[in-house]
Amino acid sequence: MGIWGVLCLQEAEIIDFDRQAAVFAAANALVLGASTYSEYVHMGWRQQHPGLRQLHIPLLADTLKSLATAMGILDGVERVAYRATFIIDPENTVRDVSLYDMRTGRNVDEVLRVLQALQTTALTPCGWQPGEATIGDVH
């Protein structure tokens, strides 16, 4: 089983994803944080914000906004990236995309739940939680 990837674009929730980095690692997933700010801005955040000083996840600086553009999350008028989360399987296939309005925060527990559901070989029912029964094998 290869490494899964969880890519979160926007700095606002990076701390919450970082707090659960070990849980994602236990689920065989690598979390990457990215924003359209420069690496110098990221360094400033880490120096000024106590919650960002000891990050366990890497931060990508998408200063050309090419990643945000390629992922389809760059607002064409404002030229800002929406809050988005991508779950990418070991074959580099995007398996889940969550895109939020700029005013709506993400739920890291839900991202983890979706990752764990995708890692099963079964159909998971509405409201499924890891460890609960599934509907059946989807192979």
C-alpha atoms as a PDB file:
ATOM      1  CA  MET A   1       0.000   0.000   0.000  1.00  0.00           C
ATOM      2  CA  GLY A   2       1.480   3.306  -1.066  1.00  0.00           C
ATOM      3  CA  ILE A   3       1.357   6.680   0.613  1.00  0.00           C
ATOM      4  CA  TRP A   4      -1.858   8.675   0.414  1.00  0.00           C
ATOM      5  CA  GLY A   5      -1.637  12.434   0.136  1.00  0.00           C
ATOM      6  CA  VAL A   6      -3.775  15.077   1.789  1.00  0.00           C
ATOM      7  CA  LEU A   7      -3.204  18.513   0.372  1.00  0.00           C
ATOM      8  CA  CYS A   8      -4.725  21.472   2.160  1.00  0.00           C
ATOM      9  CA  LEU A   9      -4.516  24.810   0.432  1.00  0.00           C
ATOM     10  CA  GLN A  10      -4.810  27.928   2.621  1.00  0.00           C
ATOM     11  CA  GLU A  11      -2.946  28.764   5.777  1.00  0.00           C
ATOM     12  CA  ALA A  12      -5.942  29.153   8.096  1.00  0.00           C
ATOM     13  CA  GLU A  13      -6.319  25.473   8.973  1.00  0.00           C
ATOM     14  CA  ILE A  14      -2.700  24.337   8.663  1.00  0.00           C
ATOM     15  CA  ILE A  15      -2.350  24.269  12.448  1.00  0.00           C
ATOM     16  CA  ASP A  16      -5.337  21.946  12.821  1.00  0.00           C
ATOM     17  CA  PHE A  17      -3.988  19.563  10.195  1.00  0.00           C
ATOM     18  CA  ASP A  18      -0.575  19.706  11.851  1.00  0.00           C
ATOM     19  CA  ARG A  19      -2.059  18.808  15.240  1.00  0.00           C
ATOM     20  CA  GLN A  20      -3.311  15.574  13.689  1.00  0.00           C
ATOM     21  CA  ALA A  21      -0.191  14.849  11.596  1.00  0.00           C
ATOM     22  CA  ALA A  22       0.558  11.684  13.588  1.00  0.00           C
ATOM     23  CA  VAL A  23      -3.001  10.411  13.062  1.00  0.00           C
ATOM     24  CA  PHE A  24      -2.704  10.986   9.310  1.00  0.00           C
ATOM     25  CA  ALA A  25       0.719   9.293   9.327  1.00  0.00           C
ATOM     26  CA  ALA A  26      -0.812   6.280  11.105  1.00  0.00           C
ATOM     27  CA  ALA A  27      -3.343   6.189   8.250  1.00  0.00           C
ATOM     28  CA  ASN A  28      -0.403   6.063   5.803  1.00  0.00           C
ATOM     29  CA  ALA A  29      -1.042   9.610   4.583  1.00  0.00           C
ATOM     30  CA  LEU A  30       1.246  12.562   4.094  1.00  0.00           C
ATOM     31  CA  VAL A  31      -0.276  15.979   4.741  1.00  0.00           C
ATOM     32  CA  LEU A  32       1.032  18.948   2.772  1.00  0.00           C
ATOM     33  CA  GLY A  33       0.021  22.522   3.491  1.00  0.00           C
ATOM     34  CA  ALA A  34       0.093  25.072   0.698  1.00  0.00           C
ATOM     35  CA  SER A  35      -0.805  28.664   0.135  1.00  0.00           C
ATOM     36  CA  THR A  36      -0.228  31.273  -2.528  1.00  0.00           C
ATOM     37  CA  TYR A  37       1.987  33.230  -0.160  1.00  0.00           C
ATOM     38  CA  SER A  38       5.781  33.135  -0.471  1.00  0.00           C
ATOM     39  CA  GLU A  39       8.159  31.085   1.618  1.00  0.00           C
ATOM     40  CA  TYR A  40       9.166  34.358   3.308  1.00  0.00           C
ATOM     41  CA  VAL A  41       5.588  34.933   4.443  1.00  0.00           C
ATOM     42  CA  HIS A  42       5.469  31.323   5.673  1.00  0.00           C
ATOM     43  CA  MET A  43       8.682  31.921   7.616  1.00  0.00           C
ATOM     44  CA  GLY A  44       7.151  35.073   9.129  1.00  0.00           C
ATOM     45  CA  TRP A  45       4.039  33.115  10.152  1.00  0.00           C
ATOM     46  CA  ARG A  46       6.181  30.480  11.809  1.00  0.00           C
ATOM     47  CA  GLN A  47       8.193  33.095  13.678  1.00  0.00           C
ATOM     48  CA  GLN A  48       5.159  35.092  14.822  1.00  0.00           C
ATOM     49  CA  HIS A  49       2.471  32.479  15.484  1.00  0.00           C
ATOM     50  CA  PRO A  50       3.111  30.019  18.349  1.00  0.00           C
ATOM     51  CA  GLY A  51       0.972  27.332  16.684  1.00  0.00           C
ATOM     52  CA  LEU A  52       3.117  27.385  13.550  1.00  0.00           C
ATOM     53  CA  ARG A  53       6.578  27.322  15.125  1.00  0.00           C
ATOM     54  CA  GLN A  54       6.970  23.553  15.344  1.00  0.00           C
ATOM     55  CA  LEU A  55       5.107  22.337  12.258  1.00  0.00           C
ATOM     56  CA  HIS A  56       5.316  18.658  11.406  1.00  0.00           C
ATOM     57  CA  ILE A  57       3.888  19.103   7.910  1.00  0.00           C
ATOM     58  CA  PRO A  58       5.663  20.771   5.011  1.00  0.00           C
ATOM     59  CA  LEU A  59       4.367  24.063   3.637  1.00  0.00           C
ATOM     60  CA  LEU A  60       4.428  24.731  -0.085  1.00  0.00           C
ATOM     61  CA  ALA A  61       4.658  28.273  -1.397  1.00  0.00           C
ATOM     62  CA  ASP A  62       2.561  28.501  -4.570  1.00  0.00           C
ATOM     63  CA  THR A  63       3.668  32.034  -5.396  1.00  0.00           C
ATOM     64  CA  LEU A  64       2.969  31.687  -9.116  1.00  0.00           C
ATOM     65  CA  LYS A  65      -0.465  30.290  -8.224  1.00  0.00           C
ATOM     66  CA  SER A  66       0.199  27.464 -10.664  1.00  0.00           C
ATOM     67  CA  LEU A  67      -0.813  24.718  -8.223  1.00  0.00           C
ATOM     68  CA  ALA A  68      -4.024  26.543  -7.291  1.00  0.00           C
ATOM     69  CA  THR A  69      -4.746  27.097 -10.989  1.00  0.00           C
ATOM     70  CA  ALA A  70      -3.993  23.478 -11.923  1.00  0.00           C
ATOM     71  CA  MET A  71      -6.223  22.222  -9.118  1.00  0.00           C
ATOM     72  CA  GLY A  72      -9.041  24.523 -10.266  1.00  0.00           C
ATOM     73  CA  ILE A  73      -9.370  26.447  -7.020  1.00  0.00           C
ATOM     74  CA  LEU A  74      -8.128  29.898  -7.991  1.00  0.00           C
ATOM     75  CA  ASP A  75     -10.824  32.547  -8.144  1.00  0.00           C
ATOM     76  CA  GLY A  76     -10.552  34.065 -11.620  1.00  0.00           C
ATOM     77  CA  VAL A  77     -11.492  37.586 -10.538  1.00  0.00           C
ATOM     78  CA  GLU A  78      -9.936  37.936  -7.087  1.00  0.00           C
ATOM     79  CA  ARG A  79      -6.925  35.692  -7.920  1.00  0.00           C
ATOM     80  CA  VAL A  80      -7.087  34.073  -4.478  1.00  0.00           C
ATOM     81  CA  ALA A  81      -7.218  30.356  -3.759  1.00  0.00           C
ATOM     82  CA  TYR A  82     -10.369  28.927  -2.239  1.00  0.00           C
ATOM     83  CA  ARG A  83     -10.104  26.762   0.859  1.00  0.00           C
ATOM     84  CA  ALA A  84      -9.731  23.310  -0.586  1.00  0.00           C
ATOM     85  CA  THR A  85      -8.624  19.864   0.491  1.00  0.00           C
ATOM     86  CA  PHE A  86      -7.591  17.094  -1.881  1.00  0.00           C
ATOM     87  CA  ILE A  87      -7.152  13.454  -0.968  1.00  0.00           C
ATOM     88  CA  ILE A  88      -4.877  11.754  -3.485  1.00  0.00           C
ATOM     89  CA  ASP A  89      -4.366   7.998  -3.584  1.00  0.00           C
ATOM     90  CA  PRO A  90      -1.002   6.220  -4.010  1.00  0.00           C
ATOM     91  CA  GLU A  91      -1.534   6.114  -7.805  1.00  0.00           C
ATOM     92  CA  ASN A  92      -1.837   9.947  -7.806  1.00  0.00           C
ATOM     93  CA  THR A  93      -5.563   9.882  -8.495  1.00  0.00           C
ATOM     94  CA  VAL A  94      -7.572  12.608  -6.791  1.00  0.00           C
ATOM     95  CA  ARG A  95     -10.152  10.626  -4.817  1.00  0.00           C
ATOM     96  CA  ASP A  96     -11.814  13.454  -2.890  1.00  0.00           C
ATOM     97  CA  VAL A  97     -12.063  17.217  -3.245  1.00  0.00           C
ATOM     98  CA  SER A  98     -13.608  19.470  -0.654  1.00  0.00           C
ATOM     99  CA  LEU A  99     -13.971  23.088  -1.713  1.00  0.00           C
ATOM    100  CA  TYR A 100     -15.201  25.687   0.716  1.00  0.00           C
ATOM    101  CA  ASP A 101     -16.281  29.282   0.461  1.00  0.00           C
ATOM    102  CA  MET A 102     -13.641  31.655   1.825  1.00  0.00           C
ATOM    103  CA  ARG A 103     -15.817  32.192   4.908  1.00  0.00           C
ATOM    104  CA  THR A 104     -16.181  28.514   5.775  1.00  0.00           C
ATOM    105  CA  GLY A 105     -13.559  26.583   7.716  1.00  0.00           C
ATOM    106  CA  ARG A 106     -12.709  22.928   7.267  1.00  0.00           C
ATOM    107  CA  ASN A 107     -13.227  20.046   9.658  1.00  0.00           C
ATOM    108  CA  VAL A 108     -10.001  18.070   9.944  1.00  0.00           C
ATOM    109  CA  ASP A 109     -11.780  15.137  11.608  1.00  0.00           C
ATOM    110  CA  GLU A 110     -14.056  14.870   8.561  1.00  0.00           C
ATOM    111  CA  VAL A 111     -11.069  14.872   6.197  1.00  0.00           C
ATOM    112  CA  LEU A 112      -9.554  12.041   8.227  1.00  0.00           C
ATOM    113  CA  ARG A 113     -12.858  10.134   8.215  1.00  0.00           C
ATOM    114  CA  VAL A 114     -13.131  10.447   4.419  1.00  0.00           C
ATOM    115  CA  LEU A 115      -9.511   9.321   4.005  1.00  0.00           C
ATOM    116  CA  GLN A 116     -10.178   6.261   6.141  1.00  0.00           C
ATOM    117  CA  ALA A 117     -13.380   5.495   4.215  1.00  0.00           C
ATOM    118  CA  LEU A 118     -11.494   5.718   0.915  1.00  0.00           C
ATOM    119  CA  GLN A 119      -8.874   3.323   2.253  1.00  0.00           C
ATOM    120  CA  THR A 120     -11.456   0.597   2.813  1.00  0.00           C
ATOM    121  CA  THR A 121     -12.461  -1.750   0.007  1.00  0.00           C
ATOM    122  CA  ALA A 122     -16.100  -1.356   0.966  1.00  0.00           C
ATOM    123  CA  LEU A 123     -19.012   0.976   0.473  1.00  0.00           C
ATOM    124  CA  THR A 124     -19.458   3.046   3.600  1.00  0.00           C
ATOM    125  CA  PRO A 125     -22.930   4.163   4.660  1.00  0.00           C
ATOM    126  CA  CYS A 126     -24.000   7.700   5.491  1.00  0.00           C
ATOM    127  CA  GLY A 127     -22.372   8.873   8.714  1.00  0.00           C
ATOM    128  CA  TRP A 128     -19.894   5.958   8.728  1.00  0.00           C
ATOM    129  CA  GLN A 129     -17.090   6.132  11.275  1.00  0.00           C
ATOM    130  CA  PRO A 130     -13.889   4.044  11.258  1.00  0.00           C
ATOM    131  CA  GLY A 131     -14.470   0.699  12.930  1.00  0.00           C
ATOM    132  CA  GLU A 132     -18.166   0.582  12.054  1.00  0.00           C
ATOM    133  CA  ALA A 133     -19.749  -1.919   9.701  1.00  0.00           C
ATOM    134  CA  THR A 134     -19.625  -1.258   5.956  1.00  0.00           C
ATOM    135  CA  ILE A 135     -22.218  -2.114   3.350  1.00  0.00           C
ATOM    136  CA  GLY A 136     -20.079  -4.462   1.305  1.00  0.00           C
ATOM    137  CA  ASP A 137     -17.046  -4.935  -0.843  1.00  0.00           C
ATOM    138  CA  VAL A 138     -16.980  -2.730  -3.945  1.00  0.00           C
ATOM    139  CA  HIS A 139     -14.459  -4.781  -5.954  1.00  0.00           C
END
